[in-house]
Amino acid sequence: MPSDAQPSANAASDQHYQAELVRYLLSMASPEEMDAALASLLTPAEYQEISKRLQIFRLLREGVPQRRIAEMLGVGIATVSRGSRAYDATLFTD
């Protein structure tokens, strides 16, 4: 198999796995089930990081300055900057 074919196969597998994850999470019937599912899939640090990323998005949407967000959440400014780059107001709603 040519080496340039490998990334395409991996990308297709990754997309399949991500779609399966989304379907799994959407099948949760309650907040408690979702919490249990996330807690079983993620390390405590990963769960905390994702939770803080969501708060970064919320605070950015509210117009809170990035430095203030970093102080409020106890994260570095680089973390907030990464969150800001990832944030897309057209995709994030309550």
PDB file of N, CA and C in Angstrom:
ATOM      1  N   MET A   1       0.845  -1.172   0.000  1.00  0.00           N
ATOM      2  CA  MET A   1       0.000   0.000   0.000  1.00  0.00           C
ATOM      3  C   MET A   1       0.891   1.237   0.000  1.00  0.00           C
ATOM      4  N   PRO A   2       0.664   2.204  -0.904  1.00  0.00           N
ATOM      5  CA  PRO A   2       1.477   3.410  -0.943  1.00  0.00           C
ATOM      6  C   PRO A   2       1.292   4.224   0.329  1.00  0.00           C
ATOM      7  N   SER A   3       2.372   4.860   0.752  1.00  0.00           N
ATOM      8  CA  SER A   3       2.321   5.616   2.004  1.00  0.00           C
ATOM      9  C   SER A   3       1.355   6.788   1.923  1.00  0.00           C
ATOM     10  N   ASP A   4       1.129   7.348   0.715  1.00  0.00           N
ATOM     11  CA  ASP A   4       0.202   8.476   0.615  1.00  0.00           C
ATOM     12  C   ASP A   4      -1.259   8.035   0.726  1.00  0.00           C
ATOM     13  N   ALA A   5      -1.542   6.746   0.627  1.00  0.00           N
ATOM     14  CA  ALA A   5      -2.914   6.250   0.777  1.00  0.00           C
ATOM     15  C   ALA A   5      -3.309   6.124   2.245  1.00  0.00           C
ATOM     16  N   GLN A   6      -2.351   5.975   3.124  1.00  0.00           N
ATOM     17  CA  GLN A   6      -2.625   5.770   4.546  1.00  0.00           C
ATOM     18  C   GLN A   6      -3.391   6.931   5.190  1.00  0.00           C
ATOM     19  N   PRO A   7      -2.969   8.202   5.006  1.00  0.00           N
ATOM     20  CA  PRO A   7      -3.711   9.285   5.669  1.00  0.00           C
ATOM     21  C   PRO A   7      -5.177   9.333   5.267  1.00  0.00           C
ATOM     22  N   SER A   8      -5.489   9.049   4.017  1.00  0.00           N
ATOM     23  CA  SER A   8      -6.867   9.064   3.562  1.00  0.00           C
ATOM     24  C   SER A   8      -7.680   7.983   4.273  1.00  0.00           C
ATOM     25  N   ALA A   9      -7.102   6.794   4.401  1.00  0.00           N
ATOM     26  CA  ALA A   9      -7.790   5.709   5.106  1.00  0.00           C
ATOM     27  C   ALA A   9      -7.989   6.063   6.572  1.00  0.00           C
ATOM     28  N   ASN A  10      -6.976   6.650   7.194  1.00  0.00           N
ATOM     29  CA  ASN A  10      -7.095   7.058   8.596  1.00  0.00           C
ATOM     30  C   ASN A  10      -8.144   8.150   8.760  1.00  0.00           C
ATOM     31  N   ALA A  11      -8.176   9.097   7.830  1.00  0.00           N
ATOM     32  CA  ALA A  11      -9.152  10.181   7.910  1.00  0.00           C
ATOM     33  C   ALA A  11     -10.567   9.625   7.799  1.00  0.00           C
ATOM     34  N   ALA A  12     -10.771   8.663   6.905  1.00  0.00           N
ATOM     35  CA  ALA A  12     -12.096   8.056   6.763  1.00  0.00           C
ATOM     36  C   ALA A  12     -12.488   7.305   8.030  1.00  0.00           C
ATOM     37  N   SER A  13     -11.537   6.584   8.610  1.00  0.00           N
ATOM     38  CA  SER A  13     -11.808   5.876   9.867  1.00  0.00           C
ATOM     39  C   SER A  13     -12.126   6.853  10.977  1.00  0.00           C
ATOM     40  N   ASP A  14     -11.339   7.933  11.067  1.00  0.00           N
ATOM     41  CA  ASP A  14     -11.582   8.937  12.100  1.00  0.00           C
ATOM     42  C   ASP A  14     -12.971   9.544  11.963  1.00  0.00           C
ATOM     43  N   GLN A  15     -13.372   9.857  10.743  1.00  0.00           N
ATOM     44  CA  GLN A  15     -14.707  10.428  10.526  1.00  0.00           C
ATOM     45  C   GLN A  15     -15.791   9.430  10.937  1.00  0.00           C
ATOM     46  N   HIS A  16     -15.578   8.165  10.625  1.00  0.00           N
ATOM     47  CA  HIS A  16     -16.536   7.125  11.023  1.00  0.00           C
ATOM     48  C   HIS A  16     -16.627   7.036  12.545  1.00  0.00           C
ATOM     49  N   TYR A  17     -15.473   7.040  13.203  1.00  0.00           N
ATOM     50  CA  TYR A  17     -15.451   6.942  14.666  1.00  0.00           C
ATOM     51  C   TYR A  17     -16.111   8.156  15.305  1.00  0.00           C
ATOM     52  N   GLN A  18     -15.859   9.341  14.740  1.00  0.00           N
ATOM     53  CA  GLN A  18     -16.472  10.551  15.280  1.00  0.00           C
ATOM     54  C   GLN A  18     -17.986  10.521  15.109  1.00  0.00           C
ATOM     55  N   ALA A  19     -18.443  10.057  13.947  1.00  0.00           N
ATOM     56  CA  ALA A  19     -19.888   9.946  13.717  1.00  0.00           C
ATOM     57  C   ALA A  19     -20.510   8.954  14.693  1.00  0.00           C
ATOM     58  N   GLU A  20     -19.808   7.855  14.953  1.00  0.00           N
ATOM     59  CA  GLU A  20     -20.305   6.867  15.916  1.00  0.00           C
ATOM     60  C   GLU A  20     -20.378   7.472  17.315  1.00  0.00           C
ATOM     61  N   LEU A  21     -19.391   8.266  17.684  1.00  0.00           N
ATOM     62  CA  LEU A  21     -19.393   8.939  18.985  1.00  0.00           C
ATOM     63  C   LEU A  21     -20.587   9.878  19.093  1.00  0.00           C
ATOM     64  N   VAL A  22     -20.822  10.660  18.067  1.00  0.00           N
ATOM     65  CA  VAL A  22     -21.948  11.592  18.086  1.00  0.00           C
ATOM     66  C   VAL A  22     -23.265  10.839  18.231  1.00  0.00           C
ATOM     67  N   ARG A  23     -23.433   9.773  17.473  1.00  0.00           N
ATOM     68  CA  ARG A  23     -24.667   8.975  17.580  1.00  0.00           C
ATOM     69  C   ARG A  23     -24.823   8.410  18.994  1.00  0.00           C
ATOM     70  N   TYR A  24     -23.721   7.930  19.566  1.00  0.00           N
ATOM     71  CA  TYR A  24     -23.758   7.382  20.924  1.00  0.00           C
ATOM     72  C   TYR A  24     -24.190   8.450  21.924  1.00  0.00           C
ATOM     73  N   LEU A  25     -23.581   9.624  21.840  1.00  0.00           N
ATOM     74  CA  LEU A  25     -23.919  10.689  22.782  1.00  0.00           C
ATOM     75  C   LEU A  25     -25.355  11.171  22.595  1.00  0.00           C
ATOM     76  N   LEU A  26     -25.809  11.227  21.365  1.00  0.00           N
ATOM     77  CA  LEU A  26     -27.188  11.641  21.113  1.00  0.00           C
ATOM     78  C   LEU A  26     -28.211  10.631  21.614  1.00  0.00           C
ATOM     79  N   SER A  27     -27.784   9.405  21.839  1.00  0.00           N
ATOM     80  CA  SER A  27     -28.716   8.386  22.323  1.00  0.00           C
ATOM     81  C   SER A  27     -28.969   8.483  23.828  1.00  0.00           C
ATOM     82  N   MET A  28     -28.244   9.341  24.517  1.00  0.00           N
ATOM     83  CA  MET A  28     -28.438   9.488  25.959  1.00  0.00           C
ATOM     84  C   MET A  28     -29.796  10.131  26.215  1.00  0.00           C
ATOM     85  N   ALA A  29     -30.547   9.579  27.148  1.00  0.00           N
ATOM     86  CA  ALA A  29     -31.923  10.015  27.394  1.00  0.00           C
ATOM     87  C   ALA A  29     -32.053  11.080  28.473  1.00  0.00           C
ATOM     88  N   SER A  30     -30.977  11.342  29.221  1.00  0.00           N
ATOM     89  CA  SER A  30     -31.081  12.312  30.312  1.00  0.00           C
ATOM     90  C   SER A  30     -29.721  12.945  30.573  1.00  0.00           C
ATOM     91  N   PRO A  31     -29.719  14.073  31.267  1.00  0.00           N
ATOM     92  CA  PRO A  31     -28.434  14.680  31.641  1.00  0.00           C
ATOM     93  C   PRO A  31     -27.570  13.730  32.477  1.00  0.00           C
ATOM     94  N   GLU A  32     -28.202  12.940  33.322  1.00  0.00           N
ATOM     95  CA  GLU A  32     -27.458  12.002  34.152  1.00  0.00           C
ATOM     96  C   GLU A  32     -26.775  10.929  33.300  1.00  0.00           C
ATOM     97  N   GLU A  33     -27.506  10.431  32.296  1.00  0.00           N
ATOM     98  CA  GLU A  33     -26.915   9.447  31.379  1.00  0.00           C
ATOM     99  C   GLU A  33     -25.757  10.059  30.607  1.00  0.00           C
ATOM    100  N   MET A  34     -25.927  11.312  30.158  1.00  0.00           N
ATOM    101  CA  MET A  34     -24.863  11.984  29.409  1.00  0.00           C
ATOM    102  C   MET A  34     -23.649  12.175  30.293  1.00  0.00           C
ATOM    103  N   ASP A  35     -23.853  12.587  31.537  1.00  0.00           N
ATOM    104  CA  ASP A  35     -22.742  12.762  32.470  1.00  0.00           C
ATOM    105  C   ASP A  35     -21.996  11.449  32.661  1.00  0.00           C
ATOM    106  N   ALA A  36     -22.736  10.369  32.856  1.00  0.00           N
ATOM    107  CA  ALA A  36     -22.107   9.056  33.041  1.00  0.00           C
ATOM    108  C   ALA A  36     -21.343   8.633  31.785  1.00  0.00           C
ATOM    109  N   ALA A  37     -21.929   8.885  30.619  1.00  0.00           N
ATOM    110  CA  ALA A  37     -21.265   8.514  29.366  1.00  0.00           C
ATOM    111  C   ALA A  37     -19.970   9.301  29.194  1.00  0.00           C
ATOM    112  N   LEU A  38     -20.021  10.600  29.423  1.00  0.00           N
ATOM    113  CA  LEU A  38     -18.815  11.422  29.280  1.00  0.00           C
ATOM    114  C   LEU A  38     -17.758  11.038  30.302  1.00  0.00           C
ATOM    115  N   ALA A  39     -18.198  10.777  31.517  1.00  0.00           N
ATOM    116  CA  ALA A  39     -17.253  10.388  32.568  1.00  0.00           C
ATOM    117  C   ALA A  39     -16.579   9.053  32.255  1.00  0.00           C
ATOM    118  N   SER A  40     -17.283   8.179  31.551  1.00  0.00           N
ATOM    119  CA  SER A  40     -16.681   6.888  31.205  1.00  0.00           C
ATOM    120  C   SER A  40     -15.774   6.991  29.986  1.00  0.00           C
ATOM    121  N   LEU A  41     -16.039   7.944  29.121  1.00  0.00           N
ATOM    122  CA  LEU A  41     -15.235   8.109  27.906  1.00  0.00           C
ATOM    123  C   LEU A  41     -13.977   8.942  28.116  1.00  0.00           C
ATOM    124  N   LEU A  42     -14.056   9.888  29.034  1.00  0.00           N
ATOM    125  CA  LEU A  42     -12.987  10.866  29.203  1.00  0.00           C
ATOM    126  C   LEU A  42     -12.282  10.700  30.544  1.00  0.00           C
ATOM    127  N   THR A  43     -11.032  11.114  30.581  1.00  0.00           N
ATOM    128  CA  THR A  43     -10.359  11.207  31.870  1.00  0.00           C
ATOM    129  C   THR A  43     -10.956  12.407  32.606  1.00  0.00           C
ATOM    130  N   PRO A  44     -10.792  12.475  33.926  1.00  0.00           N
ATOM    131  CA  PRO A  44     -11.291  13.654  34.636  1.00  0.00           C
ATOM    132  C   PRO A  44     -10.718  14.959  34.071  1.00  0.00           C
ATOM    133  N   ALA A  45      -9.451  14.952  33.694  1.00  0.00           N
ATOM    134  CA  ALA A  45      -8.834  16.163  33.139  1.00  0.00           C
ATOM    135  C   ALA A  45      -9.452  16.542  31.793  1.00  0.00           C
ATOM    136  N   GLU A  46      -9.731  15.546  30.953  1.00  0.00           N
ATOM    137  CA  GLU A  46     -10.360  15.818  29.653  1.00  0.00           C
ATOM    138  C   GLU A  46     -11.769  16.366  29.844  1.00  0.00           C
ATOM    139  N   TYR A  47     -12.503  15.791  30.770  1.00  0.00           N
ATOM    140  CA  TYR A  47     -13.873  16.244  31.043  1.00  0.00           C
ATOM    141  C   TYR A  47     -13.844  17.689  31.532  1.00  0.00           C
ATOM    142  N   GLN A  48     -12.926  18.000  32.422  1.00  0.00           N
ATOM    143  CA  GLN A  48     -12.797  19.361  32.931  1.00  0.00           C
ATOM    144  C   GLN A  48     -12.408  20.321  31.813  1.00  0.00           C
ATOM    145  N   GLU A  49     -11.496  19.898  30.952  1.00  0.00           N
ATOM    146  CA  GLU A  49     -11.044  20.755  29.852  1.00  0.00           C
ATOM    147  C   GLU A  49     -12.191  21.071  28.892  1.00  0.00           C
ATOM    148  N   ILE A  50     -12.977  20.071  28.557  1.00  0.00           N
ATOM    149  CA  ILE A  50     -14.117  20.285  27.659  1.00  0.00           C
ATOM    150  C   ILE A  50     -15.148  21.198  28.326  1.00  0.00           C
ATOM    151  N   SER A  51     -15.372  20.991  29.610  1.00  0.00           N
ATOM    152  CA  SER A  51     -16.318  21.838  30.341  1.00  0.00           C
ATOM    153  C   SER A  51     -15.863  23.291  30.339  1.00  0.00           C
ATOM    154  N   LYS A  52     -14.574  23.496  30.544  1.00  0.00           N
ATOM    155  CA  LYS A  52     -14.045  24.868  30.534  1.00  0.00           C
ATOM    156  C   LYS A  52     -14.092  25.461  29.136  1.00  0.00           C
ATOM    157  N   ARG A  53     -13.850  24.648  28.108  1.00  0.00           N
ATOM    158  CA  ARG A  53     -13.934  25.149  26.734  1.00  0.00           C
ATOM    159  C   ARG A  53     -15.340  25.674  26.463  1.00  0.00           C
ATOM    160  N   LEU A  54     -16.356  24.955  26.924  1.00  0.00           N
ATOM    161  CA  LEU A  54     -17.736  25.393  26.760  1.00  0.00           C
ATOM    162  C   LEU A  54     -17.958  26.729  27.470  1.00  0.00           C
ATOM    163  N   GLN A  55     -17.397  26.882  28.672  1.00  0.00           N
ATOM    164  CA  GLN A  55     -17.534  28.134  29.402  1.00  0.00           C
ATOM    165  C   GLN A  55     -16.809  29.270  28.691  1.00  0.00           C
ATOM    166  N   ILE A  56     -15.671  28.966  28.083  1.00  0.00           N
ATOM    167  CA  ILE A  56     -14.954  29.979  27.293  1.00  0.00           C
ATOM    168  C   ILE A  56     -15.853  30.459  26.165  1.00  0.00           C
ATOM    169  N   PHE A  57     -16.491  29.532  25.451  1.00  0.00           N
ATOM    170  CA  PHE A  57     -17.394  29.910  24.367  1.00  0.00           C
ATOM    171  C   PHE A  57     -18.513  30.804  24.885  1.00  0.00           C
ATOM    172  N   ARG A  58     -19.116  30.401  26.008  1.00  0.00           N
ATOM    173  CA  ARG A  58     -20.234  31.169  26.571  1.00  0.00           C
ATOM    174  C   ARG A  58     -19.793  32.579  26.938  1.00  0.00           C
ATOM    175  N   LEU A  59     -18.653  32.682  27.604  1.00  0.00           N
ATOM    176  CA  LEU A  59     -18.170  33.989  28.043  1.00  0.00           C
ATOM    177  C   LEU A  59     -17.753  34.864  26.867  1.00  0.00           C
ATOM    178  N   LEU A  60     -17.159  34.260  25.839  1.00  0.00           N
ATOM    179  CA  LEU A  60     -16.830  35.021  24.626  1.00  0.00           C
ATOM    180  C   LEU A  60     -18.102  35.564  23.991  1.00  0.00           C
ATOM    181  N   ARG A  61     -19.131  34.720  23.922  1.00  0.00           N
ATOM    182  CA  ARG A  61     -20.407  35.139  23.346  1.00  0.00           C
ATOM    183  C   ARG A  61     -21.002  36.307  24.131  1.00  0.00           C
ATOM    184  N   GLU A  62     -20.763  36.318  25.453  1.00  0.00           N
ATOM    185  CA  GLU A  62     -21.274  37.396  26.300  1.00  0.00           C
ATOM    186  C   GLU A  62     -20.414  38.652  26.232  1.00  0.00           C
ATOM    187  N   GLY A  63     -19.284  38.573  25.503  1.00  0.00           N
ATOM    188  CA  GLY A  63     -18.428  39.743  25.332  1.00  0.00           C
ATOM    189  C   GLY A  63     -17.398  39.952  26.424  1.00  0.00           C
ATOM    190  N   VAL A  64     -17.163  38.955  27.255  1.00  0.00           N
ATOM    191  CA  VAL A  64     -16.179  39.066  28.330  1.00  0.00           C
ATOM    192  C   VAL A  64     -14.779  39.058  27.698  1.00  0.00           C
ATOM    193  N   PRO A  65     -13.916  39.994  28.096  1.00  0.00           N
ATOM    194  CA  PRO A  65     -12.553  40.039  27.543  1.00  0.00           C
ATOM    195  C   PRO A  65     -11.782  38.743  27.863  1.00  0.00           C
ATOM    196  N   GLN A  66     -10.900  38.376  26.945  1.00  0.00           N
ATOM    197  CA  GLN A  66     -10.161  37.126  27.088  1.00  0.00           C
ATOM    198  C   GLN A  66      -9.353  37.063  28.380  1.00  0.00           C
ATOM    199  N   ARG A  67      -8.703  38.127  28.763  1.00  0.00           N
ATOM    200  CA  ARG A  67      -7.909  38.094  30.007  1.00  0.00           C
ATOM    201  C   ARG A  67      -8.800  37.853  31.219  1.00  0.00           C
ATOM    202  N   ARG A  68      -9.974  38.442  31.214  1.00  0.00           N
ATOM    203  CA  ARG A  68     -10.917  38.249  32.327  1.00  0.00           C
ATOM    204  C   ARG A  68     -11.399  36.798  32.353  1.00  0.00           C
ATOM    205  N   ILE A  69     -11.660  36.224  31.184  1.00  0.00           N
ATOM    206  CA  ILE A  69     -12.075  34.822  31.109  1.00  0.00           C
ATOM    207  C   ILE A  69     -11.000  33.930  31.722  1.00  0.00           C
ATOM    208  N   ALA A  70      -9.739  34.184  31.359  1.00  0.00           N
ATOM    209  CA  ALA A  70      -8.626  33.390  31.897  1.00  0.00           C
ATOM    210  C   ALA A  70      -8.614  33.468  33.418  1.00  0.00           C
ATOM    211  N   GLU A  71      -8.808  34.666  33.963  1.00  0.00           N
ATOM    212  CA  GLU A  71      -8.831  34.837  35.424  1.00  0.00           C
ATOM    213  C   GLU A  71     -10.017  34.103  36.041  1.00  0.00           C
ATOM    214  N   MET A  72     -11.181  34.248  35.440  1.00  0.00           N
ATOM    215  CA  MET A  72     -12.403  33.650  35.992  1.00  0.00           C
ATOM    216  C   MET A  72     -12.326  32.124  36.039  1.00  0.00           C
ATOM    217  N   LEU A  73     -11.763  31.537  34.986  1.00  0.00           N
ATOM    218  CA  LEU A  73     -11.745  30.078  34.880  1.00  0.00           C
ATOM    219  C   LEU A  73     -10.450  29.458  35.394  1.00  0.00           C
ATOM    220  N   GLY A  74      -9.486  30.286  35.717  1.00  0.00           N
ATOM    221  CA  GLY A  74      -8.215  29.752  36.216  1.00  0.00           C
ATOM    222  C   GLY A  74      -7.425  29.022  35.137  1.00  0.00           C
ATOM    223  N   VAL A  75      -7.502  29.541  33.906  1.00  0.00           N
ATOM    224  CA  VAL A  75      -6.757  28.956  32.793  1.00  0.00           C
ATOM    225  C   VAL A  75      -5.809  30.013  32.229  1.00  0.00           C
ATOM    226  N   GLY A  76      -4.866  29.558  31.425  1.00  0.00           N
ATOM    227  CA  GLY A  76      -3.928  30.483  30.796  1.00  0.00           C
ATOM    228  C   GLY A  76      -4.579  31.242  29.652  1.00  0.00           C
ATOM    229  N   ILE A  77      -4.010  32.380  29.346  1.00  0.00           N
ATOM    230  CA  ILE A  77      -4.528  33.182  28.237  1.00  0.00           C
ATOM    231  C   ILE A  77      -4.425  32.413  26.918  1.00  0.00           C
ATOM    232  N   ALA A  78      -3.415  31.548  26.796  1.00  0.00           N
ATOM    233  CA  ALA A  78      -3.272  30.754  25.570  1.00  0.00           C
ATOM    234  C   ALA A  78      -4.464  29.805  25.406  1.00  0.00           C
ATOM    235  N   THR A  79      -4.965  29.265  26.500  1.00  0.00           N
ATOM    236  CA  THR A  79      -6.136  28.383  26.456  1.00  0.00           C
ATOM    237  C   THR A  79      -7.352  29.153  25.967  1.00  0.00           C
ATOM    238  N   VAL A  80      -7.516  30.365  26.461  1.00  0.00           N
ATOM    239  CA  VAL A  80      -8.649  31.191  26.037  1.00  0.00           C
ATOM    240  C   VAL A  80      -8.483  31.589  24.570  1.00  0.00           C
ATOM    241  N   SER A  81      -7.269  31.903  24.165  1.00  0.00           N
ATOM    242  CA  SER A  81      -7.016  32.262  22.762  1.00  0.00           C
ATOM    243  C   SER A  81      -7.342  31.103  21.829  1.00  0.00           C
ATOM    244  N   ARG A  82      -6.945  29.885  22.229  1.00  0.00           N
ATOM    245  CA  ARG A  82      -7.292  28.698  21.432  1.00  0.00           C
ATOM    246  C   ARG A  82      -8.803  28.537  21.361  1.00  0.00           C
ATOM    247  N   GLY A  83      -9.460  28.729  22.496  1.00  0.00           N
ATOM    248  CA  GLY A  83     -10.919  28.642  22.523  1.00  0.00           C
ATOM    249  C   GLY A  83     -11.559  29.697  21.642  1.00  0.00           C
ATOM    250  N   SER A  84     -10.984  30.879  21.646  1.00  0.00           N
ATOM    251  CA  SER A  84     -11.500  31.961  20.820  1.00  0.00           C
ATOM    252  C   SER A  84     -11.381  31.632  19.335  1.00  0.00           C
ATOM    253  N   ARG A  85     -10.257  31.035  18.955  1.00  0.00           N
ATOM    254  CA  ARG A  85     -10.080  30.641  17.549  1.00  0.00           C
ATOM    255  C   ARG A  85     -11.076  29.544  17.166  1.00  0.00           C
ATOM    256  N   ALA A  86     -11.388  28.661  18.102  1.00  0.00           N
ATOM    257  CA  ALA A  86     -12.295  27.556  17.820  1.00  0.00           C
ATOM    258  C   ALA A  86     -13.762  27.995  17.831  1.00  0.00           C
ATOM    259  N   TYR A  87     -14.018  29.072  18.538  1.00  0.00           N
ATOM    260  CA  TYR A  87     -15.387  29.548  18.707  1.00  0.00           C
ATOM    261  C   TYR A  87     -15.966  30.041  17.382  1.00  0.00           C
ATOM    262  N   ASP A  88     -17.155  29.645  17.108  1.00  0.00           N
ATOM    263  CA  ASP A  88     -17.864  30.110  15.921  1.00  0.00           C
ATOM    264  C   ASP A  88     -19.302  30.401  16.335  1.00  0.00           C
ATOM    265  N   ALA A  89     -19.638  31.652  16.399  1.00  0.00           N
ATOM    266  CA  ALA A  89     -20.950  32.063  16.914  1.00  0.00           C
ATOM    267  C   ALA A  89     -22.115  31.466  16.121  1.00  0.00           C
ATOM    268  N   THR A  90     -21.873  31.113  14.872  1.00  0.00           N
ATOM    269  CA  THR A  90     -22.967  30.551  14.082  1.00  0.00           C
ATOM    270  C   THR A  90     -23.251  29.104  14.457  1.00  0.00           C
ATOM    271  N   LEU A  91     -22.296  28.433  15.118  1.00  0.00           N
ATOM    272  CA  LEU A  91     -22.487  27.041  15.487  1.00  0.00           C
ATOM    273  C   LEU A  91     -22.855  26.851  16.944  1.00  0.00           C
ATOM    274  N   PHE A  92     -22.589  27.840  17.774  1.00  0.00           N
ATOM    275  CA  PHE A  92     -22.814  27.693  19.212  1.00  0.00           C
ATOM    276  C   PHE A  92     -24.068  28.414  19.631  1.00  0.00           C
ATOM    277  N   THR A  93     -25.021  27.661  20.142  1.00  0.00           N
ATOM    278  CA  THR A  93     -26.245  28.248  20.676  1.00  0.00           C
ATOM    279  C   THR A  93     -26.574  27.562  21.989  1.00  0.00           C
ATOM    280  N   ASP A  94     -27.405  28.213  22.782  1.00  0.00           N
ATOM    281  CA  ASP A  94     -27.789  27.621  24.071  1.00  0.00           C
ATOM    282  C   ASP A  94     -28.664  26.462  23.882  1.00  0.00           C
TER     283      ASP A  94
END
